[in-house]
Amino acid sequence: MKKFISLIIAATVLLSVFIFPTSVNAADATAKTLMQYKELNLGFKKTEEAKYECKVENNDDCFVKVDANNEGDWYWLMVRSLKPTKSVKPLITVTNTADGSVFKKYEITVTAAKKVKMNDVKFNVGTIRDVKVKNPYFKEYKLSYNKKLLKLTYVLGSYGYYIYSFQGLKKGTTTVKAKIGGTVYGSFKVTVGDYKATIKKSFKKSTIKYNKHMKSYYFYDGGTVDLADAIKNYHYDAKYTVKIKNKKIAASRMQSKYPLNRLPKRAEVYSLKPGKTDVTVYEKRGKAKKRKVGTFTVICKTVKDKWVFDANMMFDNDGLFYEYFVTPGDRTSFKNTIIKRYINNSTSGSKFKSSEYKFEFTATPENVVTVDKDGVFTIHDYGDHKVTYKVTFADGSTVTGSGSFDIMPPDFF
């Protein structure tokens, strides 16, 4: 009897060791709920040597799509939901390929996608309006609308939102329906009409940059007020001009019609010196009398000299080090190159006195390249290297950069 009881106990222990830990079922899985057309990142950190793989069960109806792979010290596991689940739910099992042990298990519940609130839009016939539409899903909407009223000119997608650019072809109202797989998940009305032009509230006080070394309209951002941005409901067939109260503070220049974006002929206001002044906007359409659109205040604020340097860099698509070919024995004045491109630039007309900036240079390693106090680099040999520059302006602002030359053999030239 004692032997028999011992055998029963031993068998029970054996079953508990060899059966239960290797059992794989949904009851042991971590439950995850995911809305249709959403993504779920289940990736995790690991050692570079470790390898994992995953198996997806109960997914014959393609409720989810799973992408997984080992990449360095990370295991990528991305789940995309495609259709709502019912009683059967996908089961994802992640195992260690070294020993087959189960590392993670997930049971995925997919709920139905919800409708998205969208806002109605009004704009003038003949113009183009960018419409920002919320899209929380990874699938892009397919839009349906009256193509006699609207023309879709381009689409830009970004996380959570899409920008749809519509041109108004003629007056009228149409409902734009946003669909995924034939199902409408949102809609908004677009009314194309003839609305009165006004100054946008956000432009009633407009700050623009000023620096004595360069005309502000060469700043790639914030150097002007373009009336195409400042006017709500502008007309493509109109001409918009300005009257500046204090002409010592700001000035204007005209911008031509731009058919591609359906922008009208209009003024652009730029800074002349620090300060503020009122700007009155006028509209002229055809034979109609010139009409006052409204008034806004321009505030011109001085920015640091580094902004001039940065603005000039925008004209240089390739950068300082692009195809900068040298050969051992060459001496090259990098300082003069920087001055010509980014400090005293012929395109923007920027101009600094030599006393208004100073340079610092470094070069490593010395057996490949060295630099003297005047910014002249000497190339000694082939090899990997790094050169740096730092420009300090009289106002205390600084700009730094680094790169390397293309050291080529003499017969290359």
Protein backbone atom coordinates (compact mmCIF):
# COMPACT_ATOMS: atom_id res chain seq x y z
CA MET A 1 0.00 0.00 0.00
CA LYS A 2 2.81 2.43 0.81
CA LYS A 3 4.46 1.65 -2.53
CA PHE A 4 1.16 2.21 -4.33
CA ILE A 5 0.60 5.62 -2.64
CA SER A 6 4.18 6.61 -3.47
CA LEU A 7 3.57 5.76 -7.14
CA ILE A 8 0.39 7.91 -7.20
CA ILE A 9 2.21 10.90 -5.66
CA ALA A 10 5.14 10.51 -8.07
CA ALA A 11 2.80 10.40 -11.08
CA THR A 12 0.98 13.53 -9.88
CA VAL A 13 4.25 15.42 -9.48
CA LEU A 14 5.39 14.23 -12.91
CA LEU A 15 2.19 15.50 -14.57
CA SER A 16 2.50 18.88 -12.84
CA VAL A 17 6.06 19.29 -14.08
CA PHE A 18 5.73 18.07 -17.66
CA ILE A 19 2.16 18.92 -18.68
CA PHE A 20 0.93 22.16 -17.15
CA PRO A 21 3.87 24.57 -17.91
CA THR A 22 3.82 23.65 -21.63
CA SER A 23 0.06 24.10 -21.98
CA VAL A 24 -0.83 26.94 -24.40
CA ASN A 25 -4.39 28.26 -24.33
CA ALA A 26 -6.29 31.57 -24.36
CA ALA A 27 -6.89 31.44 -20.60
CA ASP A 28 -3.18 32.06 -20.01
CA ALA A 29 -2.99 34.95 -22.50
CA THR A 30 -2.96 38.68 -21.78
CA ALA A 31 -6.15 40.25 -23.13
CA LYS A 32 -5.75 43.21 -25.48
CA THR A 33 -8.58 45.24 -27.01
CA LEU A 34 -8.02 47.09 -30.26
CA MET A 35 -10.38 49.19 -32.35
CA GLN A 36 -10.75 48.27 -36.02
CA TYR A 37 -8.15 49.94 -38.32
CA LYS A 38 -5.88 50.73 -35.36
CA GLU A 39 -2.33 49.58 -34.59
CA LEU A 40 -0.94 48.03 -31.42
CA ASN A 41 2.80 47.87 -30.74
CA LEU A 42 3.65 44.83 -28.62
CA GLY A 43 7.41 44.94 -29.25
CA PHE A 44 9.91 44.45 -26.45
CA LYS A 45 13.61 44.83 -25.59
CA LYS A 46 15.85 41.77 -25.74
CA THR A 47 19.50 40.81 -25.99
CA GLU A 48 20.95 40.90 -29.50
CA GLU A 49 21.65 37.16 -29.34
CA ALA A 50 18.10 36.17 -28.38
CA LYS A 51 15.71 35.24 -31.18
CA TYR A 52 11.93 35.07 -31.02
CA GLU A 53 9.14 34.08 -33.36
CA CYS A 54 5.39 34.39 -33.16
CA LYS A 55 2.42 32.27 -34.22
CA VAL A 56 -1.08 33.62 -34.84
CA GLU A 57 -4.02 31.27 -34.26
CA ASN A 58 -7.79 31.70 -34.60
CA ASN A 59 -7.24 34.22 -37.38
CA ASP A 60 -8.66 32.45 -40.43
CA ASP A 61 -11.09 35.35 -40.97
CA CYS A 62 -8.17 37.81 -40.99
CA PHE A 63 -9.24 39.80 -37.93
CA VAL A 64 -5.68 41.10 -37.55
CA LYS A 65 -2.45 41.36 -39.49
CA VAL A 66 0.73 40.76 -37.50
CA ASP A 67 4.22 41.88 -38.52
CA ALA A 68 7.10 40.60 -36.41
CA ASN A 69 10.87 40.32 -36.69
CA ASN A 70 14.10 40.35 -34.68
CA GLU A 71 16.12 43.51 -35.08
CA GLY A 72 19.20 43.96 -32.91
CA ASP A 73 18.17 44.40 -29.28
CA TRP A 74 14.48 44.73 -30.13
CA TYR A 75 11.71 42.35 -31.17
CA TRP A 76 9.18 44.13 -33.39
CA LEU A 77 5.62 42.95 -32.95
CA MET A 78 3.02 45.17 -34.62
CA VAL A 79 -0.66 44.23 -34.72
CA ARG A 80 -3.05 45.85 -37.20
CA SER A 81 -6.78 45.27 -36.75
CA LEU A 82 -8.86 44.62 -39.86
CA LYS A 83 -12.32 43.50 -38.76
CA PRO A 84 -14.28 43.16 -35.48
CA THR A 85 -14.03 39.84 -33.66
CA LYS A 86 -16.97 37.79 -32.41
CA SER A 87 -16.70 34.67 -30.27
CA VAL A 88 -13.42 33.56 -31.86
CA LYS A 89 -10.46 35.82 -31.09
CA PRO A 90 -6.91 35.79 -32.49
CA LEU A 91 -4.27 34.31 -30.22
CA ILE A 92 -0.67 35.50 -30.63
CA THR A 93 2.04 33.32 -29.08
CA VAL A 94 5.66 34.50 -28.91
CA THR A 95 8.26 31.81 -28.32
CA ASN A 96 12.02 31.74 -27.76
CA THR A 97 13.55 29.93 -30.74
CA ALA A 98 16.43 28.62 -28.61
CA ASP A 99 14.31 26.29 -26.49
CA GLY A 100 10.74 26.72 -27.75
CA SER A 101 9.56 28.18 -24.45
CA VAL A 102 6.56 30.50 -24.48
CA PHE A 103 7.55 34.09 -23.72
CA LYS A 104 4.34 36.06 -24.37
CA LYS A 105 0.73 35.31 -25.25
CA TYR A 106 -1.96 37.78 -26.27
CA GLU A 107 -5.64 37.34 -27.02
CA ILE A 108 -6.84 40.15 -29.28
CA THR A 109 -10.35 41.58 -29.23
CA VAL A 110 -11.17 43.89 -32.14
CA THR A 111 -14.05 46.35 -31.70
CA ALA A 112 -15.83 48.14 -34.55
CA ALA A 113 -14.39 51.41 -35.85
CA LYS A 114 -16.29 54.52 -34.76
CA LYS A 115 -17.48 57.45 -36.81
CA VAL A 116 -15.30 60.56 -36.76
CA LYS A 117 -16.62 64.09 -36.25
CA MET A 118 -15.76 66.39 -39.14
CA ASN A 119 -16.33 70.14 -39.60
CA ASP A 120 -18.15 71.88 -42.43
CA VAL A 121 -16.17 74.24 -44.68
CA LYS A 122 -16.97 77.39 -46.67
CA PHE A 123 -14.72 79.17 -49.16
CA ASN A 124 -14.83 81.26 -52.31
CA VAL A 125 -15.29 79.97 -55.83
CA GLY A 126 -12.05 79.87 -57.83
CA THR A 127 -9.83 79.51 -54.75
CA ILE A 128 -8.22 76.53 -53.05
CA ARG A 129 -8.83 75.57 -49.44
CA ASP A 130 -6.83 73.11 -47.36
CA VAL A 131 -9.25 71.05 -45.27
CA LYS A 132 -7.84 69.30 -42.20
CA VAL A 133 -9.74 66.05 -41.59
CA LYS A 134 -9.23 63.89 -38.50
CA ASN A 135 -8.31 60.28 -39.27
CA PRO A 136 -7.36 58.12 -36.27
CA TYR A 137 -7.01 55.01 -38.45
CA PHE A 138 -4.09 53.63 -40.43
CA LYS A 139 -6.25 53.35 -43.56
CA GLU A 140 -6.72 56.42 -45.75
CA TYR A 141 -10.25 57.64 -46.48
CA LYS A 142 -11.72 57.39 -49.95
CA LEU A 143 -13.74 60.57 -50.53
CA SER A 144 -16.94 60.92 -52.51
CA TYR A 145 -18.39 64.33 -53.43
CA ASN A 146 -19.85 66.34 -56.32
CA LYS A 147 -16.94 66.68 -58.74
CA LYS A 148 -18.74 69.45 -60.62
CA LEU A 149 -18.36 71.66 -57.53
CA LEU A 150 -14.97 70.53 -56.20
CA LYS A 151 -11.63 69.46 -57.54
CA LEU A 152 -9.18 67.60 -55.28
CA THR A 153 -5.72 69.05 -56.01
CA TYR A 154 -3.55 67.12 -53.53
CA VAL A 155 -3.59 65.05 -50.32
CA LEU A 156 -1.04 65.17 -47.49
CA GLY A 157 -1.16 62.57 -44.74
CA SER A 158 0.17 62.89 -41.23
CA TYR A 159 -0.41 61.02 -37.99
CA GLY A 160 -4.03 61.49 -36.94
CA TYR A 161 -4.92 63.92 -39.74
CA TYR A 162 -5.05 64.27 -43.50
CA ILE A 163 -4.96 67.54 -45.43
CA TYR A 164 -7.25 67.59 -48.47
CA SER A 165 -6.78 70.51 -50.83
CA PHE A 166 -9.98 71.42 -52.70
CA GLN A 167 -10.52 73.94 -55.47
CA GLY A 168 -14.00 75.45 -55.70
CA LEU A 169 -15.15 75.13 -59.32
CA LYS A 170 -18.57 76.76 -59.01
CA LYS A 171 -21.06 77.88 -56.38
CA GLY A 172 -22.98 75.23 -54.50
CA THR A 173 -22.95 72.79 -51.59
CA THR A 174 -21.83 69.18 -51.57
CA THR A 175 -21.42 66.56 -48.84
CA VAL A 176 -18.00 64.97 -48.71
CA LYS A 177 -18.21 61.39 -47.42
CA ALA A 178 -15.12 59.75 -45.97
CA LYS A 179 -15.17 55.99 -46.52
CA ILE A 180 -13.05 52.99 -45.60
CA GLY A 181 -13.89 49.80 -47.44
CA GLY A 182 -17.23 51.21 -48.59
CA THR A 183 -18.37 52.21 -45.08
CA VAL A 184 -18.83 55.92 -44.31
CA TYR A 185 -16.92 56.91 -41.15
CA GLY A 186 -17.49 60.64 -41.35
CA SER A 187 -18.79 63.44 -43.55
CA PHE A 188 -18.72 67.21 -43.85
CA LYS A 189 -20.35 69.82 -46.05
CA VAL A 190 -18.37 72.05 -48.39
CA THR A 191 -20.08 75.23 -49.57
CA VAL A 192 -18.46 77.13 -52.42
CA GLY A 193 -19.73 80.69 -52.58
CA ASP A 194 -18.84 84.37 -52.74
CA TYR A 195 -17.94 85.40 -49.19
CA LYS A 196 -16.66 88.71 -47.92
CA ALA A 197 -12.91 88.92 -47.36
CA THR A 198 -11.85 89.76 -43.78
CA ILE A 199 -8.67 89.79 -41.68
CA LYS A 200 -8.15 86.58 -39.73
CA LYS A 201 -8.29 87.01 -35.94
CA SER A 202 -4.94 85.25 -35.57
CA PHE A 203 -3.31 87.97 -37.72
CA LYS A 204 -4.74 91.04 -35.93
CA LYS A 205 -1.34 91.32 -34.25
CA SER A 206 1.44 89.90 -36.41
CA THR A 207 5.07 89.67 -35.33
CA ILE A 208 7.76 89.57 -38.03
CA LYS A 209 11.53 89.26 -37.78
CA TYR A 210 13.99 92.10 -38.28
CA ASN A 211 17.78 92.09 -38.62
CA LYS A 212 19.77 95.00 -40.00
CA HIS A 213 22.04 92.69 -41.98
CA MET A 214 19.38 91.30 -44.34
CA LYS A 215 15.93 92.12 -45.78
CA SER A 216 13.36 90.29 -43.68
CA TYR A 217 11.62 88.70 -46.67
CA TYR A 218 14.66 86.45 -47.07
CA PHE A 219 13.95 84.80 -43.73
CA TYR A 220 12.46 81.43 -44.58
CA ASP A 221 9.97 81.72 -41.73
CA GLY A 222 8.38 84.70 -40.00
CA GLY A 223 10.02 87.46 -42.00
CA THR A 224 6.86 88.77 -43.66
CA VAL A 225 3.08 88.87 -43.53
CA ASP A 226 1.66 87.55 -46.79
CA LEU A 227 -1.93 88.72 -47.29
CA ALA A 228 -2.81 85.30 -48.69
CA ASP A 229 -2.22 84.02 -45.14
CA ALA A 230 -3.74 86.99 -43.32
CA ILE A 231 -7.03 87.24 -45.27
CA LYS A 232 -9.97 84.93 -44.69
CA ASN A 233 -12.04 84.30 -47.83
CA TYR A 234 -9.82 86.10 -50.32
CA HIS A 235 -10.93 86.10 -53.98
CA TYR A 236 -8.73 84.82 -56.79
CA ASP A 237 -9.94 87.56 -59.14
CA ALA A 238 -9.06 90.36 -56.70
CA LYS A 239 -6.00 92.51 -56.06
CA TYR A 240 -5.07 93.18 -52.41
CA THR A 241 -2.99 96.21 -51.48
CA VAL A 242 -1.95 97.83 -48.18
CA LYS A 243 -1.49 101.24 -46.65
CA ILE A 244 1.19 101.28 -43.93
CA LYS A 245 0.81 103.98 -41.28
CA ASN A 246 4.48 104.25 -40.31
CA LYS A 247 6.56 103.65 -43.42
CA LYS A 248 9.80 103.74 -41.41
CA ILE A 249 8.81 100.56 -39.57
CA ALA A 250 7.55 98.39 -42.44
CA ALA A 251 7.18 98.29 -46.21
CA SER A 252 5.41 96.10 -48.75
CA ARG A 253 6.02 94.46 -52.11
CA MET A 254 3.51 92.90 -54.50
CA GLN A 255 3.25 89.18 -55.17
CA SER A 256 1.90 87.95 -58.50
CA LYS A 257 -1.05 85.65 -58.96
CA TYR A 258 -0.10 82.03 -58.39
CA PRO A 259 -2.37 79.79 -60.52
CA LEU A 260 -1.09 76.52 -59.05
CA ASN A 261 -2.39 77.41 -55.57
CA ARG A 262 -4.99 79.87 -56.85
CA LEU A 263 -3.46 82.75 -54.92
CA PRO A 264 -4.49 86.30 -55.90
CA LYS A 265 -2.25 89.24 -56.65
CA ARG A 266 -1.49 90.66 -53.20
CA ALA A 267 0.95 92.59 -51.03
CA GLU A 268 3.52 91.13 -48.67
CA VAL A 269 4.58 93.23 -45.67
CA TYR A 270 8.19 93.12 -44.42
CA SER A 271 10.18 94.91 -41.70
CA LEU A 272 12.43 97.97 -42.00
CA LYS A 273 13.31 98.57 -38.35
CA PRO A 274 12.13 97.50 -34.86
CA GLY A 275 8.76 98.85 -33.80
CA LYS A 276 5.08 98.47 -34.63
CA THR A 277 2.65 100.04 -37.07
CA ASP A 278 -0.89 99.56 -38.35
CA VAL A 279 -1.48 98.12 -41.82
CA THR A 280 -4.78 98.68 -43.65
CA VAL A 281 -5.76 96.18 -46.35
CA TYR A 282 -7.80 96.99 -49.47
CA GLU A 283 -9.50 94.79 -52.05
CA LYS A 284 -10.13 95.65 -55.73
CA ARG A 285 -12.27 93.32 -57.88
CA GLY A 286 -12.91 94.11 -61.49
CA LYS A 287 -14.80 97.37 -62.03
CA ALA A 288 -16.03 97.52 -58.43
CA LYS A 289 -14.74 100.25 -56.13
CA LYS A 290 -11.77 99.52 -53.91
CA ARG A 291 -13.03 98.18 -50.57
CA LYS A 292 -11.39 98.27 -47.15
CA VAL A 293 -10.91 94.71 -45.90
CA GLY A 294 -9.61 95.59 -42.42
CA THR A 295 -6.58 96.61 -40.37
CA PHE A 296 -3.93 94.65 -38.51
CA THR A 297 -0.85 95.60 -36.47
CA VAL A 298 2.66 94.57 -37.48
CA ILE A 299 5.23 94.21 -34.70
CA CYS A 300 8.82 94.11 -35.98
CA LYS A 301 11.20 92.43 -33.54
CA THR A 302 14.97 92.13 -33.83
CA VAL A 303 16.33 88.59 -34.06
CA LYS A 304 19.89 87.43 -33.48
CA ASP A 305 22.48 87.42 -36.26
CA LYS A 306 22.50 83.62 -36.33
CA TRP A 307 19.07 83.84 -38.00
CA VAL A 308 20.73 85.52 -40.99
CA PHE A 309 23.28 82.69 -41.21
CA ASP A 310 20.51 80.06 -40.96
CA ALA A 311 18.39 81.84 -43.58
CA ASN A 312 21.31 81.89 -46.03
CA MET A 313 21.83 78.17 -45.49
CA MET A 314 18.36 77.63 -47.00
CA PHE A 315 19.72 78.80 -50.37
CA ASP A 316 22.43 76.12 -50.24
CA ASN A 317 20.75 72.83 -51.09
CA ASP A 318 23.90 70.74 -50.99
CA GLY A 319 25.70 72.07 -47.93
CA LEU A 320 29.32 73.06 -47.31
CA PHE A 321 30.83 69.61 -47.59
CA TYR A 322 29.04 68.36 -50.71
CA GLU A 323 31.66 67.36 -53.32
CA TYR A 324 34.35 69.40 -51.56
CA PHE A 325 37.17 67.65 -53.42
CA VAL A 326 40.76 68.01 -52.21
CA THR A 327 43.96 65.99 -52.55
CA PRO A 328 46.94 65.50 -50.20
CA GLY A 329 49.09 68.63 -50.27
CA ASP A 330 46.17 70.98 -50.93
CA ARG A 331 45.45 74.07 -48.82
CA THR A 332 41.86 75.29 -48.77
CA SER A 333 40.33 78.38 -47.13
CA PHE A 334 37.16 77.05 -45.57
CA LYS A 335 36.61 80.37 -43.81
CA ASN A 336 36.16 82.22 -47.11
CA THR A 337 33.67 79.61 -48.31
CA ILE A 338 31.51 80.10 -45.20
CA ILE A 339 31.64 83.89 -45.46
CA LYS A 340 30.61 83.84 -49.12
CA ARG A 341 27.74 81.40 -48.69
CA TYR A 342 26.26 82.17 -45.29
CA ILE A 343 27.45 85.57 -44.03
CA ASN A 344 27.84 87.90 -47.02
CA ASN A 345 25.49 86.18 -49.43
CA SER A 346 24.97 87.70 -52.89
CA THR A 347 21.50 86.17 -53.29
CA SER A 348 20.00 87.59 -50.09
CA GLY A 349 22.24 90.66 -50.01
CA SER A 350 23.22 89.99 -46.41
CA LYS A 351 26.25 91.98 -45.30
CA PHE A 352 28.41 91.93 -42.15
CA LYS A 353 31.57 93.82 -41.29
CA SER A 354 34.56 91.62 -40.55
CA SER A 355 34.54 92.98 -36.99
CA GLU A 356 30.99 91.62 -36.44
CA TYR A 357 31.93 87.93 -36.43
CA LYS A 358 34.81 85.62 -35.60
CA PHE A 359 35.68 82.00 -36.38
CA GLU A 360 37.01 78.97 -34.53
CA PHE A 361 38.12 75.81 -36.39
CA THR A 362 39.30 72.34 -35.40
CA ALA A 363 40.63 69.40 -37.42
CA THR A 364 41.37 65.79 -36.45
CA PRO A 365 43.44 63.70 -36.79
CA GLU A 366 46.53 65.83 -37.42
CA ASN A 367 48.18 63.29 -39.70
CA VAL A 368 45.24 63.71 -42.16
CA VAL A 369 44.29 67.40 -41.88
CA THR A 370 45.31 70.49 -39.89
CA VAL A 371 43.98 74.04 -39.74
CA ASP A 372 45.62 77.39 -38.91
CA LYS A 373 44.15 80.41 -37.11
CA ASP A 374 42.91 81.92 -40.40
CA GLY A 375 40.77 78.90 -41.22
CA VAL A 376 43.07 77.50 -43.89
CA PHE A 377 43.05 73.69 -43.89
CA THR A 378 46.05 71.68 -45.08
CA ILE A 379 45.43 68.15 -46.36
CA HIS A 380 48.29 65.80 -45.42
CA ASP A 381 47.05 62.29 -46.22
CA TYR A 382 44.06 60.09 -47.03
CA GLY A 383 41.83 58.85 -44.23
CA ASP A 384 38.81 59.44 -42.06
CA HIS A 385 38.75 62.89 -40.48
CA LYS A 386 36.51 65.57 -39.02
CA VAL A 387 36.60 69.35 -39.32
CA THR A 388 34.43 71.73 -37.31
CA TYR A 389 33.65 75.42 -37.41
CA LYS A 390 32.06 77.85 -35.00
CA VAL A 391 30.93 81.37 -35.87
CA THR A 392 30.38 83.85 -33.03
CA PHE A 393 28.59 87.07 -33.92
CA ALA A 394 28.92 90.43 -32.20
CA ASP A 395 25.49 90.01 -30.60
CA GLY A 396 26.65 86.80 -28.88
CA SER A 397 24.76 84.32 -31.04
CA THR A 398 26.68 81.35 -32.43
CA VAL A 399 26.47 78.81 -35.23
CA THR A 400 28.38 75.52 -35.37
CA GLY A 401 28.86 72.85 -38.01
CA SER A 402 31.04 69.90 -38.89
CA GLY A 403 31.85 67.49 -41.71
CA SER A 404 34.66 66.12 -43.82
CA PHE A 405 36.32 66.79 -47.18
CA ASP A 406 36.43 64.37 -50.13
CA ILE A 407 40.13 63.53 -50.23
CA MET A 408 40.85 62.16 -53.73
CA PRO A 409 44.01 61.10 -55.59
CA PRO A 410 45.56 63.67 -57.97
CA ASP A 411 44.52 61.73 -61.10
CA PHE A 412 40.87 62.13 -60.06
CA PHE A 413 41.02 65.71 -61.29
